[in-house]
Amino acid sequence: MQSKEAAANKLRYARFKRRCNTIKVRKSRELEVRRNLLELRVQEQESRRLLLEKIKAKEALVDAQKLQISNALAIHDIVEAKMSRYNICLLYTSPSPRDLSTSRMPSSACKKKKKKK
């Protein structure tokens, strides 16, 4: 009887040992999965941080370009306002190559020229 009992105890102990090993394997797998998840989260946070830095740098560049454009527009407006005071006409007509006695200026420009004399 004792041999049957001893055999049953050995069998129970073997089952118990297998269960313990199975539990250890499961726990080690769970720990490995948790470690991997934590590593992925850290990598994700780092990539987000880098993307935010890039976005902020691009936004700063865009702001600088907007400032340059607004400055250029302001300068253009100032120059245009000063030029409008003088009513300068930049039209230049050269004398006709066929007839050197007449110019190719429009008749309105010729009239203004005559009035000034």
N, C-alpha and C. Protein backbone atom coordinates (compact mmCIF):
# COMPACT_ATOMS: atom_id res chain seq x y z
N MET A 1 0.80 -1.19 0.00
CA MET A 1 0.00 0.00 0.00
C MET A 1 0.84 1.25 0.00
N GLN A 2 1.90 1.12 0.75
CA GLN A 2 2.76 2.29 0.79
C GLN A 2 3.39 2.57 -0.56
N SER A 3 3.66 1.52 -1.30
CA SER A 3 4.25 1.73 -2.61
C SER A 3 3.25 2.40 -3.55
N LYS A 4 1.94 2.02 -3.41
CA LYS A 4 0.94 2.69 -4.22
C LYS A 4 0.81 4.14 -3.79
N GLU A 5 0.84 4.34 -2.48
CA GLU A 5 0.76 5.71 -1.96
C GLU A 5 1.98 6.52 -2.37
N ALA A 6 3.12 5.93 -2.30
CA ALA A 6 4.36 6.62 -2.69
C ALA A 6 4.32 6.95 -4.18
N ALA A 7 3.81 6.02 -4.98
CA ALA A 7 3.72 6.27 -6.42
C ALA A 7 2.72 7.39 -6.69
N ALA A 8 1.62 7.39 -5.96
CA ALA A 8 0.63 8.46 -6.13
C ALA A 8 1.20 9.79 -5.70
N ASN A 9 1.96 9.80 -4.60
CA ASN A 9 2.60 11.03 -4.12
C ASN A 9 3.62 11.55 -5.14
N LYS A 10 4.39 10.63 -5.70
CA LYS A 10 5.36 11.03 -6.73
C LYS A 10 4.65 11.65 -7.93
N LEU A 11 3.52 11.01 -8.30
CA LEU A 11 2.75 11.52 -9.43
C LEU A 11 2.20 12.91 -9.12
N ARG A 12 1.65 13.08 -7.90
CA ARG A 12 1.14 14.39 -7.49
C ARG A 12 2.26 15.43 -7.49
N TYR A 13 3.41 15.03 -6.95
CA TYR A 13 4.55 15.95 -6.89
C TYR A 13 5.00 16.34 -8.30
N ALA A 14 5.00 15.41 -9.25
CA ALA A 14 5.39 15.69 -10.63
C ALA A 14 4.40 16.66 -11.27
N ARG A 15 3.10 16.42 -11.03
CA ARG A 15 2.09 17.34 -11.55
C ARG A 15 2.27 18.75 -10.95
N PHE A 16 2.49 18.77 -9.63
CA PHE A 16 2.69 20.05 -8.96
C PHE A 16 3.90 20.78 -9.54
N LYS A 17 4.97 20.06 -9.77
CA LYS A 17 6.18 20.64 -10.33
C LYS A 17 5.93 21.20 -11.73
N ARG A 18 5.19 20.42 -12.55
CA ARG A 18 4.86 20.90 -13.90
C ARG A 18 4.03 22.17 -13.85
N ARG A 19 3.04 22.18 -12.92
CA ARG A 19 2.22 23.38 -12.77
C ARG A 19 3.07 24.58 -12.37
N CYS A 20 3.98 24.37 -11.44
CA CYS A 20 4.87 25.45 -11.00
C CYS A 20 5.72 25.95 -12.17
N ASN A 21 6.25 25.01 -12.94
CA ASN A 21 7.07 25.40 -14.10
C ASN A 21 6.22 26.15 -15.12
N THR A 22 4.98 25.68 -15.34
CA THR A 22 4.09 26.36 -16.28
C THR A 22 3.79 27.78 -15.80
N ILE A 23 3.55 27.91 -14.51
CA ILE A 23 3.28 29.23 -13.94
C ILE A 23 4.50 30.13 -14.09
N LYS A 24 5.68 29.58 -13.83
CA LYS A 24 6.91 30.37 -13.98
C LYS A 24 7.10 30.84 -15.42
N VAL A 25 6.84 29.93 -16.36
CA VAL A 25 6.98 30.28 -17.77
C VAL A 25 5.98 31.36 -18.14
N ARG A 26 4.73 31.22 -17.69
CA ARG A 26 3.72 32.23 -17.98
C ARG A 26 4.10 33.58 -17.40
N LYS A 27 4.58 33.54 -16.15
CA LYS A 27 4.98 34.81 -15.52
C LYS A 27 6.16 35.44 -16.24
N SER A 28 7.12 34.64 -16.66
CA SER A 28 8.26 35.21 -17.37
C SER A 28 7.82 35.78 -18.72
N ARG A 29 6.88 35.11 -19.38
CA ARG A 29 6.34 35.63 -20.64
C ARG A 29 5.59 36.95 -20.40
N GLU A 30 4.79 36.98 -19.34
CA GLU A 30 4.07 38.20 -19.01
C GLU A 30 5.04 39.35 -18.73
N LEU A 31 6.09 39.03 -17.98
CA LEU A 31 7.10 40.06 -17.68
C LEU A 31 7.78 40.55 -18.95
N GLU A 32 8.08 39.65 -19.84
CA GLU A 32 8.72 40.02 -21.10
C GLU A 32 7.79 40.91 -21.94
N VAL A 33 6.52 40.54 -21.98
CA VAL A 33 5.54 41.34 -22.72
C VAL A 33 5.42 42.73 -22.10
N ARG A 34 5.38 42.79 -20.78
CA ARG A 34 5.30 44.09 -20.10
C ARG A 34 6.52 44.94 -20.39
N ARG A 35 7.68 44.34 -20.35
CA ARG A 35 8.92 45.07 -20.68
C ARG A 35 8.86 45.63 -22.10
N ASN A 36 8.43 44.78 -23.03
CA ASN A 36 8.32 45.22 -24.43
C ASN A 36 7.33 46.37 -24.57
N LEU A 37 6.21 46.28 -23.87
CA LEU A 37 5.22 47.36 -23.93
C LEU A 37 5.80 48.66 -23.37
N LEU A 38 6.51 48.54 -22.27
CA LEU A 38 7.13 49.74 -21.69
C LEU A 38 8.16 50.36 -22.63
N GLU A 39 8.95 49.52 -23.27
CA GLU A 39 9.93 50.03 -24.24
C GLU A 39 9.24 50.73 -25.41
N LEU A 40 8.14 50.14 -25.88
CA LEU A 40 7.40 50.76 -26.97
C LEU A 40 6.81 52.10 -26.55
N ARG A 41 6.30 52.17 -25.33
CA ARG A 41 5.75 53.44 -24.84
C ARG A 41 6.83 54.50 -24.75
N VAL A 42 7.99 54.12 -24.26
CA VAL A 42 9.10 55.08 -24.16
C VAL A 42 9.50 55.56 -25.55
N GLN A 43 9.60 54.64 -26.50
CA GLN A 43 9.95 55.01 -27.87
C GLN A 43 8.89 55.93 -28.47
N GLU A 44 7.63 55.63 -28.21
CA GLU A 44 6.54 56.46 -28.72
C GLU A 44 6.61 57.87 -28.14
N GLN A 45 6.85 57.97 -26.84
CA GLN A 45 6.96 59.28 -26.20
C GLN A 45 8.14 60.06 -26.76
N GLU A 46 9.24 59.39 -26.99
CA GLU A 46 10.41 60.05 -27.55
C GLU A 46 10.14 60.56 -28.97
N SER A 47 9.48 59.73 -29.78
CA SER A 47 9.18 60.16 -31.15
C SER A 47 8.18 61.31 -31.14
N ARG A 48 7.22 61.29 -30.22
CA ARG A 48 6.29 62.42 -30.11
C ARG A 48 7.03 63.69 -29.72
N ARG A 49 7.96 63.58 -28.78
CA ARG A 49 8.72 64.74 -28.35
C ARG A 49 9.53 65.32 -29.51
N LEU A 50 10.15 64.44 -30.29
CA LEU A 50 10.93 64.90 -31.43
C LEU A 50 10.04 65.57 -32.48
N LEU A 51 8.87 64.99 -32.72
CA LEU A 51 7.94 65.59 -33.69
C LEU A 51 7.47 66.96 -33.21
N LEU A 52 7.18 67.08 -31.92
CA LEU A 52 6.76 68.38 -31.39
C LEU A 52 7.87 69.42 -31.54
N GLU A 53 9.11 69.01 -31.31
CA GLU A 53 10.23 69.93 -31.50
C GLU A 53 10.33 70.38 -32.95
N LYS A 54 10.17 69.44 -33.88
CA LYS A 54 10.22 69.79 -35.30
C LYS A 54 9.09 70.73 -35.66
N ILE A 55 7.89 70.46 -35.14
CA ILE A 55 6.75 71.32 -35.43
C ILE A 55 6.98 72.72 -34.90
N LYS A 56 7.50 72.83 -33.68
CA LYS A 56 7.77 74.15 -33.10
C LYS A 56 8.82 74.89 -33.91
N ALA A 57 9.84 74.18 -34.39
CA ALA A 57 10.87 74.82 -35.21
C ALA A 57 10.27 75.32 -36.52
N LYS A 58 9.42 74.52 -37.15
CA LYS A 58 8.77 74.94 -38.40
C LYS A 58 7.86 76.14 -38.16
N GLU A 59 7.13 76.12 -37.04
CA GLU A 59 6.25 77.25 -36.73
C GLU A 59 7.06 78.53 -36.52
N ALA A 60 8.21 78.41 -35.87
CA ALA A 60 9.07 79.58 -35.67
C ALA A 60 9.57 80.10 -37.01
N LEU A 61 9.92 79.21 -37.91
CA LEU A 61 10.38 79.60 -39.24
C LEU A 61 9.26 80.31 -40.01
N VAL A 62 8.05 79.77 -39.93
CA VAL A 62 6.92 80.38 -40.62
C VAL A 62 6.64 81.76 -40.04
N ASP A 63 6.72 81.89 -38.72
CA ASP A 63 6.50 83.19 -38.10
C ASP A 63 7.54 84.20 -38.56
N ALA A 64 8.80 83.77 -38.66
CA ALA A 64 9.86 84.66 -39.13
C ALA A 64 9.61 85.09 -40.58
N GLN A 65 9.17 84.15 -41.41
CA GLN A 65 8.88 84.48 -42.80
C GLN A 65 7.69 85.42 -42.91
N LYS A 66 6.67 85.23 -42.06
CA LYS A 66 5.52 86.14 -42.06
C LYS A 66 5.97 87.55 -41.67
N LEU A 67 6.86 87.64 -40.70
CA LEU A 67 7.38 88.94 -40.27
C LEU A 67 8.15 89.61 -41.41
N GLN A 68 8.96 88.84 -42.12
CA GLN A 68 9.71 89.40 -43.25
C GLN A 68 8.75 89.90 -44.33
N ILE A 69 7.71 89.14 -44.60
CA ILE A 69 6.73 89.54 -45.62
C ILE A 69 6.01 90.81 -45.19
N SER A 70 5.60 90.87 -43.94
CA SER A 70 4.89 92.07 -43.49
C SER A 70 5.80 93.28 -43.52
N ASN A 71 7.09 93.10 -43.18
CA ASN A 71 8.05 94.21 -43.27
C ASN A 71 8.22 94.65 -44.73
N ALA A 72 8.32 93.69 -45.63
CA ALA A 72 8.48 94.03 -47.04
C ALA A 72 7.25 94.76 -47.57
N LEU A 73 6.06 94.33 -47.15
CA LEU A 73 4.84 95.00 -47.58
C LEU A 73 4.77 96.42 -47.02
N ALA A 74 5.20 96.59 -45.78
CA ALA A 74 5.20 97.93 -45.19
C ALA A 74 6.15 98.85 -45.94
N ILE A 75 7.33 98.35 -46.28
CA ILE A 75 8.30 99.14 -47.04
C ILE A 75 7.73 99.48 -48.41
N HIS A 76 7.09 98.50 -49.05
CA HIS A 76 6.48 98.73 -50.36
C HIS A 76 5.42 99.83 -50.27
N ASP A 77 4.60 99.78 -49.23
CA ASP A 77 3.56 100.80 -49.07
C ASP A 77 4.17 102.18 -48.87
N ILE A 78 5.24 102.27 -48.10
CA ILE A 78 5.90 103.56 -47.87
C ILE A 78 6.47 104.10 -49.17
N VAL A 79 7.16 103.26 -49.92
CA VAL A 79 7.75 103.68 -51.20
C VAL A 79 6.65 104.09 -52.17
N GLU A 80 5.58 103.32 -52.22
CA GLU A 80 4.49 103.64 -53.13
C GLU A 80 3.84 104.98 -52.76
N ALA A 81 3.69 105.24 -51.48
CA ALA A 81 3.11 106.51 -51.04
C ALA A 81 4.00 107.68 -51.43
N LYS A 82 5.30 107.53 -51.26
CA LYS A 82 6.24 108.61 -51.62
C LYS A 82 6.29 108.81 -53.12
N MET A 83 6.23 107.72 -53.88
CA MET A 83 6.28 107.83 -55.34
C MET A 83 5.00 108.48 -55.88
N SER A 84 3.88 108.25 -55.23
CA SER A 84 2.63 108.81 -55.72
C SER A 84 2.60 110.33 -55.60
N ARG A 85 3.40 110.89 -54.71
CA ARG A 85 3.48 112.35 -54.57
C ARG A 85 4.05 113.01 -55.81
N TYR A 86 4.97 112.33 -56.43
CA TYR A 86 5.70 112.94 -57.54
C TYR A 86 5.09 112.65 -58.90
N ASN A 87 4.19 111.71 -59.01
CA ASN A 87 3.56 111.34 -60.28
C ASN A 87 4.58 111.18 -61.40
N ILE A 88 5.55 110.37 -61.16
CA ILE A 88 6.63 110.16 -62.12
C ILE A 88 6.17 109.20 -63.19
N CYS A 89 6.43 109.57 -64.43
CA CYS A 89 6.13 108.68 -65.55
C CYS A 89 7.46 108.16 -66.07
N LEU A 90 7.61 106.88 -66.04
CA LEU A 90 8.88 106.29 -66.45
C LEU A 90 8.87 105.85 -67.91
N LEU A 91 7.93 106.32 -68.68
CA LEU A 91 7.85 105.98 -70.10
C LEU A 91 8.94 106.75 -70.85
N TYR A 92 9.73 106.03 -71.58
CA TYR A 92 10.79 106.67 -72.37
C TYR A 92 10.61 106.25 -73.81
N THR A 93 10.58 107.23 -74.70
CA THR A 93 10.47 106.90 -76.12
C THR A 93 11.66 107.52 -76.83
N SER A 94 12.28 106.73 -77.62
CA SER A 94 13.44 107.22 -78.35
C SER A 94 12.99 107.78 -79.70
N PRO A 95 13.81 108.62 -80.29
CA PRO A 95 13.46 109.15 -81.61
C PRO A 95 13.35 108.03 -82.63
N SER A 96 12.54 108.26 -83.61
CA SER A 96 12.34 107.27 -84.66
C SER A 96 13.62 107.12 -85.46
N PRO A 97 14.04 105.93 -85.77
CA PRO A 97 15.26 105.76 -86.56
C PRO A 97 15.09 106.26 -87.99
N ARG A 98 13.84 106.31 -88.46
CA ARG A 98 13.61 106.78 -89.83
C ARG A 98 13.62 108.30 -89.91
N ASP A 99 13.03 108.92 -88.90
CA ASP A 99 12.92 110.38 -88.94
C ASP A 99 13.50 110.93 -87.65
N LEU A 100 14.64 111.54 -87.72
CA LEU A 100 15.30 112.04 -86.52
C LEU A 100 14.68 113.33 -86.01
N SER A 101 13.87 113.99 -86.78
CA SER A 101 13.29 115.27 -86.34
C SER A 101 12.08 115.07 -85.42
N THR A 102 11.44 113.92 -85.45
CA THR A 102 10.26 113.69 -84.61
C THR A 102 10.56 112.60 -83.60
N SER A 103 9.88 112.69 -82.51
CA SER A 103 10.05 111.64 -81.49
C SER A 103 8.80 110.77 -81.47
N ARG A 104 8.87 109.69 -80.76
CA ARG A 104 7.74 108.77 -80.70
C ARG A 104 6.95 108.97 -79.41
N MET A 105 7.08 110.12 -78.80
CA MET A 105 6.36 110.38 -77.56
C MET A 105 4.87 110.53 -77.86
N PRO A 106 4.03 110.14 -76.93
CA PRO A 106 2.61 110.32 -77.15
C PRO A 106 2.27 111.80 -77.24
N SER A 107 1.17 112.09 -77.89
CA SER A 107 0.79 113.48 -78.09
C SER A 107 0.51 114.19 -76.77
N SER A 108 0.01 113.43 -75.77
CA SER A 108 -0.28 114.06 -74.48
C SER A 108 1.02 114.50 -73.81
N ALA A 109 2.09 113.73 -73.96
CA ALA A 109 3.37 114.10 -73.37
C ALA A 109 3.94 115.32 -74.09
N CYS A 110 3.72 115.41 -75.39
CA CYS A 110 4.21 116.55 -76.16
C CYS A 110 3.48 117.82 -75.74
N LYS A 111 2.18 117.72 -75.48
CA LYS A 111 1.40 118.88 -75.06
C LYS A 111 1.90 119.39 -73.72
N LYS A 112 2.18 118.47 -72.79
CA LYS A 112 2.68 118.88 -71.48
C LYS A 112 4.02 119.57 -71.62
N LYS A 113 4.83 119.07 -72.54
CA LYS A 113 6.14 119.65 -72.77
C LYS A 113 6.00 121.07 -73.30
N LYS A 114 5.05 121.28 -74.20
CA LYS A 114 4.84 122.61 -74.78
C LYS A 114 4.32 123.58 -73.72
N LYS A 115 3.46 123.08 -72.80
CA LYS A 115 2.92 123.95 -71.78
C LYS A 115 4.01 124.43 -70.82
N LYS A 116 5.00 123.61 -70.57
CA LYS A 116 6.06 123.98 -69.66
C LYS A 116 6.90 125.10 -70.21
N LYS A 117 7.02 125.23 -71.52
CA LYS A 117 7.82 126.31 -72.14
C LYS A 117 7.13 127.58 -71.95
